[in-house]
């Protein structure tokens, strides 16, 4: 896993993304499941401007192996379509950004299906976009390639609960990738 570079001896990363999204600690000792809450908010009040999930918990940042790079996303509903805007403070354009785009586009599709909406746009805002020196040759190779048609993601239409999706519920159609380009993670 790419995360191994930052993990401690026990393989732990600290209270990173999953902890913040699903179990944000509250001052009274409780927790907030931001993902469950945002799905319910979309269903109850799709016009809200507060459809936000944050991984940037100032109280926990010092205990994280790596502070969140993609730290905040906001959903927006218009004309029956769910869009998502992601703010990414630090963006490794060769290794990280392509993975982030695919992940959040898929998340948007999943949340849209769980809230009985159609997927809309994915908007990606980068704070500090960078290409590491040890990725320059790989980036040149990628840029030299002729683009191929984009694949299509199909979700099992019977799944209506964001947390009920299984691996078998996803089908990537017409995926015709170029050969893999290996690049080391810059730590």
Protein backbone atom coordinates (compact mmCIF):
# COMPACT_ATOMS: atom_id res chain seq x y z
CA UNK A 1 0.00 0.00 0.00
CA UNK A 2 1.16 3.54 -0.67
CA UNK A 3 0.34 4.34 2.95
CA UNK A 4 3.09 2.02 4.25
CA UNK A 5 5.63 4.81 3.75
CA UNK A 6 3.95 6.86 6.49
CA UNK A 7 2.73 4.12 8.85
CA UNK A 8 4.37 3.53 12.22
CA UNK A 9 5.91 0.21 13.31
CA UNK A 10 2.43 -1.22 14.02
CA UNK A 11 1.15 -0.14 10.60
CA UNK A 12 -0.94 2.69 12.05
CA UNK A 13 -1.44 6.11 10.47
CA UNK A 14 -3.25 7.78 13.34
CA UNK A 15 -6.74 9.30 13.19
CA UNK A 16 -6.80 9.92 9.42
CA UNK A 17 -9.58 9.94 6.81
CA UNK A 18 -11.76 7.04 7.93
CA UNK A 19 -11.68 8.12 11.57
CA UNK A 20 -12.63 11.68 10.71
CA UNK A 21 -15.32 10.78 8.18
CA UNK A 22 -17.00 8.05 10.24
CA UNK A 23 -16.13 8.81 13.88
CA UNK A 24 -15.19 12.49 14.40
CA UNK A 25 -14.66 12.84 18.16
CA UNK A 26 -16.88 15.34 19.97
CA UNK A 27 -15.96 17.20 23.20
CA UNK A 28 -18.52 15.18 25.20
CA UNK A 29 -16.85 11.86 24.32
CA UNK A 30 -19.25 10.97 21.52
CA UNK A 31 -18.63 10.85 17.81
CA UNK A 32 -20.14 12.06 14.55
CA UNK A 33 -20.50 9.89 11.46
CA UNK A 34 -20.14 12.62 8.84
CA UNK A 35 -20.77 10.23 5.94
CA UNK A 36 -24.03 8.91 7.35
CA UNK A 37 -25.06 12.45 8.32
CA UNK A 38 -24.38 13.95 4.89
CA UNK A 39 -26.42 11.22 3.16
CA UNK A 40 -29.34 11.92 5.50
CA UNK A 41 -28.95 15.68 4.99
CA UNK A 42 -29.07 15.25 1.20
CA UNK A 43 -32.28 13.25 1.53
CA UNK A 44 -33.93 15.70 3.98
CA UNK A 45 -32.66 19.02 2.67
CA UNK A 46 -31.03 18.69 -0.76
CA UNK A 47 -30.85 22.49 -1.14
CA UNK A 48 -28.60 22.85 1.91
CA UNK A 49 -25.25 24.57 1.47
CA UNK A 50 -23.93 22.56 4.43
CA UNK A 51 -23.50 19.19 2.70
CA UNK A 52 -19.85 19.02 3.77
CA UNK A 53 -17.50 16.30 5.01
CA UNK A 54 -14.14 17.33 6.48
CA UNK A 55 -11.07 15.30 7.35
CA UNK A 56 -9.18 18.31 8.75
CA UNK A 57 -9.63 17.95 12.49
CA UNK A 58 -7.23 20.47 14.03
CA UNK A 59 -7.29 18.59 17.35
CA UNK A 60 -6.01 15.42 15.64
CA UNK A 61 -3.65 16.71 12.92
CA UNK A 62 -0.54 16.39 15.11
CA UNK A 63 -1.33 12.69 15.71
CA UNK A 64 -1.75 11.90 12.01
CA UNK A 65 1.14 10.29 10.14
CA UNK A 66 0.29 12.58 7.23
CA UNK A 67 -2.29 15.37 7.52
CA UNK A 68 -5.17 14.99 5.04
CA UNK A 69 -4.32 16.03 1.50
CA UNK A 70 -7.88 15.81 0.18
CA UNK A 71 -9.41 17.38 3.22
CA UNK A 72 -12.89 18.64 2.46
CA UNK A 73 -15.68 17.83 0.04
CA UNK A 74 -19.07 19.39 -0.48
CA UNK A 75 -22.11 17.99 -2.25
CA UNK A 76 -24.50 20.16 -4.22
CA UNK A 77 -27.91 19.17 -5.61
CA UNK A 78 -29.44 20.87 -8.65
CA UNK A 79 -32.14 19.59 -11.00
CA UNK A 80 -32.00 16.07 -9.58
CA UNK A 81 -28.24 15.75 -9.96
CA UNK A 82 -25.65 15.40 -7.20
CA UNK A 83 -22.32 17.14 -7.75
CA UNK A 84 -19.24 17.04 -5.55
CA UNK A 85 -16.48 19.59 -5.09
CA UNK A 86 -13.27 18.42 -3.47
CA UNK A 87 -10.66 20.74 -1.97
CA UNK A 88 -7.20 19.18 -1.93
CA UNK A 89 -4.53 21.16 -0.07
CA UNK A 90 -1.61 19.13 -1.46
CA UNK A 91 -1.84 17.39 -4.82
CA UNK A 92 0.73 14.94 -6.19
CA UNK A 93 -0.39 15.30 -9.80
CA UNK A 94 1.21 12.10 -11.08
CA UNK A 95 0.34 9.53 -8.41
CA UNK A 96 -2.25 11.04 -6.11
CA UNK A 97 -4.56 13.18 -8.23
CA UNK A 98 -5.61 10.46 -10.72
CA UNK A 99 -6.50 8.16 -7.80
CA UNK A 100 -8.36 10.99 -6.04
CA UNK A 101 -10.37 11.82 -9.17
CA UNK A 102 -11.43 8.20 -9.65
CA UNK A 103 -12.22 7.74 -5.94
CA UNK A 104 -14.33 10.86 -5.52
CA UNK A 105 -16.11 10.40 -8.85
CA UNK A 106 -17.08 6.91 -7.67
CA UNK A 107 -18.09 8.21 -4.24
CA UNK A 108 -20.30 10.81 -5.94
CA UNK A 109 -21.97 8.07 -7.98
CA UNK A 110 -22.53 5.97 -4.86
CA UNK A 111 -23.97 8.83 -2.81
CA UNK A 112 -26.17 9.87 -5.74
CA UNK A 113 -27.60 6.36 -5.99
CA UNK A 114 -28.11 6.15 -2.22
CA UNK A 115 -30.03 9.44 -2.27
CA UNK A 116 -32.08 8.68 -5.41
CA UNK A 117 -30.31 11.33 -7.50
CA UNK A 118 -28.35 11.21 -10.73
CA UNK A 119 -24.59 11.80 -10.59
CA UNK A 120 -23.63 15.33 -11.58
CA UNK A 121 -20.24 16.97 -11.86
CA UNK A 122 -17.05 16.36 -9.95
CA UNK A 123 -15.08 19.58 -9.37
CA UNK A 124 -11.52 19.24 -8.07
CA UNK A 125 -9.83 22.27 -6.51
CA UNK A 126 -6.09 21.98 -5.88
CA UNK A 127 -4.29 24.12 -3.33
CA UNK A 128 -0.67 23.15 -4.04
CA UNK A 129 -0.34 21.05 -7.20
CA UNK A 130 3.11 19.57 -7.68
CA UNK A 131 5.01 17.08 -9.82
CA UNK A 132 7.89 15.48 -7.96
CA UNK A 133 11.34 15.29 -9.58
CA UNK A 134 11.30 11.50 -9.36
CA UNK A 135 8.11 11.43 -11.51
CA UNK A 136 9.27 13.62 -14.41
CA UNK A 137 10.15 10.81 -16.82
CA UNK A 138 6.96 8.93 -15.99
CA UNK A 139 4.91 12.09 -16.58
CA UNK A 140 6.60 12.63 -19.95
CA UNK A 141 5.75 9.05 -20.92
CA UNK A 142 2.12 9.53 -19.86
CA UNK A 143 1.86 12.76 -21.86
CA UNK A 144 3.28 11.05 -24.97
CA UNK A 145 0.47 8.50 -25.02
CA UNK A 146 -2.56 8.77 -27.27
CA UNK A 147 -5.68 9.13 -25.11
CA UNK A 148 -8.11 6.23 -25.28
CA UNK A 149 -11.88 6.36 -24.76
CA UNK A 150 -12.89 6.63 -21.12
CA UNK A 151 -14.44 3.60 -19.45
CA UNK A 152 -17.88 3.59 -17.85
CA UNK A 153 -18.62 2.62 -14.26
CA UNK A 154 -21.80 0.69 -13.62
CA UNK A 155 -23.20 0.32 -10.11
CA UNK A 156 -25.63 -2.39 -9.09
CA UNK A 157 -28.90 -0.39 -9.27
CA UNK A 158 -30.52 -2.41 -6.47
CA UNK A 159 -28.12 -1.04 -3.83
CA UNK A 160 -29.77 1.96 -2.16
CA UNK A 161 -27.65 2.20 1.01
CA UNK A 162 -24.23 3.84 0.73
CA UNK A 163 -22.83 1.41 3.30
CA UNK A 164 -24.22 -1.74 1.64
CA UNK A 165 -22.09 -1.66 -1.52
CA UNK A 166 -19.83 -4.68 -2.04
CA UNK A 167 -17.01 -5.26 -4.52
CA UNK A 168 -19.39 -7.23 -6.76
CA UNK A 169 -21.68 -4.18 -7.09
CA UNK A 170 -19.19 -2.34 -9.33
CA UNK A 171 -18.49 -3.05 -12.98
CA UNK A 172 -15.96 -1.09 -15.03
CA UNK A 173 -16.95 -1.29 -18.70
CA UNK A 174 -14.81 -0.73 -21.79
CA UNK A 175 -11.62 -0.17 -19.79
CA UNK A 176 -8.68 -0.17 -22.20
CA UNK A 177 -5.65 1.14 -20.29
CA UNK A 178 -2.15 1.71 -21.51
CA UNK A 179 0.51 -0.36 -19.71
CA UNK A 180 1.12 0.57 -16.07
CA UNK A 181 3.75 3.23 -15.36
CA UNK A 182 5.60 2.52 -12.13
CA UNK A 183 6.64 5.47 -9.98
CA UNK A 184 7.91 5.62 -6.39
CA UNK A 185 5.90 7.45 -3.75
CA UNK A 186 7.61 10.70 -2.78
CA UNK A 187 7.76 10.88 1.02
